[in-house]
């Protein structure tokens, strides 16, 4: 859960550093968060998905977070706990670096 929280915090920081007005930030975050949630496997299992949606779900970083939580709680994973941890850790490190850099470039 910590990695998921850090991932979306870093994503929000990076996007907020680029966007100039608050209304645009809220629109973009809702435009990103809802599809990421629906395609993460939190509501529907990956089994039986069409191939195109399965590819999109594999690109979704929240899929790895949901899969890792499912593996930790009920010992049932789709990708594997190691893969989930590595993907989330890599994305968190990358987005924290990008978000930190973009945030440091903001002029008051």
Protein backbone atom coordinates (compact mmCIF):
# COMPACT_ATOMS: atom_id res chain seq x y z
CA UNK A 1 0.00 0.00 0.00
CA UNK A 2 2.93 2.30 0.68
CA UNK A 3 4.26 1.87 -2.85
CA UNK A 4 0.83 2.56 -4.37
CA UNK A 5 0.48 5.72 -2.26
CA UNK A 6 3.97 6.91 -3.16
CA UNK A 7 3.35 6.18 -6.85
CA UNK A 8 0.22 8.30 -7.06
CA UNK A 9 1.67 11.05 -4.87
CA UNK A 10 4.69 11.28 -7.15
CA UNK A 11 2.44 11.22 -10.23
CA UNK A 12 0.29 14.00 -8.79
CA UNK A 13 3.34 16.09 -7.91
CA UNK A 14 4.79 15.69 -11.39
CA UNK A 15 1.51 16.61 -13.10
CA UNK A 16 0.75 19.49 -10.73
CA UNK A 17 4.19 20.95 -11.41
CA UNK A 18 3.44 21.15 -15.13
CA UNK A 19 -0.19 22.31 -15.07
CA UNK A 20 -0.84 26.01 -14.45
CA UNK A 21 -4.42 26.08 -13.10
CA UNK A 22 -6.11 24.00 -10.41
CA UNK A 23 -9.15 23.10 -12.52
CA UNK A 24 -6.97 21.56 -15.20
CA UNK A 25 -5.15 19.47 -12.60
CA UNK A 26 -8.41 18.07 -11.20
CA UNK A 27 -9.67 17.25 -14.68
CA UNK A 28 -6.50 15.44 -15.69
CA UNK A 29 -6.23 13.52 -12.42
CA UNK A 30 -9.84 12.30 -12.73
CA UNK A 31 -9.19 11.46 -16.37
CA UNK A 32 -6.20 9.31 -15.29
CA UNK A 33 -7.28 7.84 -11.96
CA UNK A 34 -10.66 6.42 -12.93
CA UNK A 35 -9.46 4.39 -15.96
CA UNK A 36 -6.42 3.23 -14.01
CA UNK A 37 -8.71 2.00 -11.24
CA UNK A 38 -11.20 0.28 -13.54
CA UNK A 39 -8.45 -1.50 -15.51
CA UNK A 40 -6.43 -2.52 -12.43
CA UNK A 41 -8.22 -5.77 -11.70
CA UNK A 42 -9.62 -4.46 -8.42
CA UNK A 43 -13.21 -4.83 -9.60
CA UNK A 44 -12.95 -7.48 -12.31
CA UNK A 45 -10.49 -10.38 -12.68
CA UNK A 46 -8.02 -10.54 -15.57
CA UNK A 47 -9.22 -13.99 -16.61
CA UNK A 48 -11.51 -13.76 -19.62
CA UNK A 49 -10.51 -10.24 -20.62
CA UNK A 50 -10.10 -9.52 -24.32
CA UNK A 51 -6.48 -9.37 -25.43
CA UNK A 52 -6.50 -5.60 -26.01
CA UNK A 53 -7.77 -4.88 -22.49
CA UNK A 54 -5.30 -7.34 -21.00
CA UNK A 55 -2.43 -5.49 -22.69
CA UNK A 56 -3.73 -2.17 -21.33
CA UNK A 57 -4.10 -3.72 -17.86
CA UNK A 58 -0.48 -4.91 -17.97
CA UNK A 59 0.64 -1.32 -18.67
CA UNK A 60 -1.47 0.01 -15.78
CA UNK A 61 0.78 0.44 -12.70
CA UNK A 62 -2.17 0.04 -10.32
CA UNK A 63 -2.65 -3.51 -11.66
CA UNK A 64 0.63 -4.47 -10.03
CA UNK A 65 -0.37 -2.80 -6.77
CA UNK A 66 -3.74 -4.55 -6.65
CA UNK A 67 -2.09 -7.84 -7.59
CA UNK A 68 0.51 -7.43 -4.85
CA UNK A 69 -2.16 -6.69 -2.26
CA UNK A 70 -4.19 -9.66 -3.43
CA UNK A 71 -1.10 -11.85 -3.16
CA UNK A 72 -0.31 -10.60 0.33
CA UNK A 73 -3.86 -11.00 1.60
CA UNK A 74 -5.21 -14.13 -0.08
CA UNK A 75 -2.06 -15.61 -1.65
CA UNK A 76 -3.37 -15.38 -5.22
CA UNK A 77 -1.38 -13.39 -7.80
CA UNK A 78 -1.53 -12.91 -11.53
CA UNK A 79 1.94 -11.43 -12.11
CA UNK A 80 3.82 -12.69 -9.03
CA UNK A 81 4.82 -10.78 -5.90
CA UNK A 82 8.40 -10.22 -7.07
CA UNK A 83 7.26 -8.71 -10.36
CA UNK A 84 4.70 -6.55 -8.57
CA UNK A 85 7.31 -5.24 -6.13
CA UNK A 86 9.93 -4.57 -8.81
CA UNK A 87 7.56 -2.78 -11.17
CA UNK A 88 6.07 -0.61 -8.42
CA UNK A 89 9.49 0.18 -6.92
CA UNK A 90 10.93 1.15 -10.30
CA UNK A 91 7.97 3.38 -11.13
CA UNK A 92 8.03 5.02 -7.70
CA UNK A 93 11.74 5.80 -7.95
CA UNK A 94 11.34 7.14 -11.49
CA UNK A 95 8.27 9.26 -10.75
CA UNK A 96 9.75 10.61 -7.51
CA UNK A 97 12.82 11.73 -9.44
CA UNK A 98 10.75 13.30 -12.21
CA UNK A 99 8.30 14.91 -9.78
CA UNK A 100 11.12 16.26 -7.61
CA UNK A 101 12.90 17.72 -10.61
CA UNK A 102 9.75 19.33 -12.03
CA UNK A 103 8.75 20.68 -8.62
CA UNK A 104 12.17 22.28 -8.17
CA UNK A 105 11.72 24.14 -11.48
CA UNK A 106 8.49 25.88 -10.40
CA UNK A 107 8.75 29.65 -10.11
CA UNK A 108 6.66 31.25 -7.39
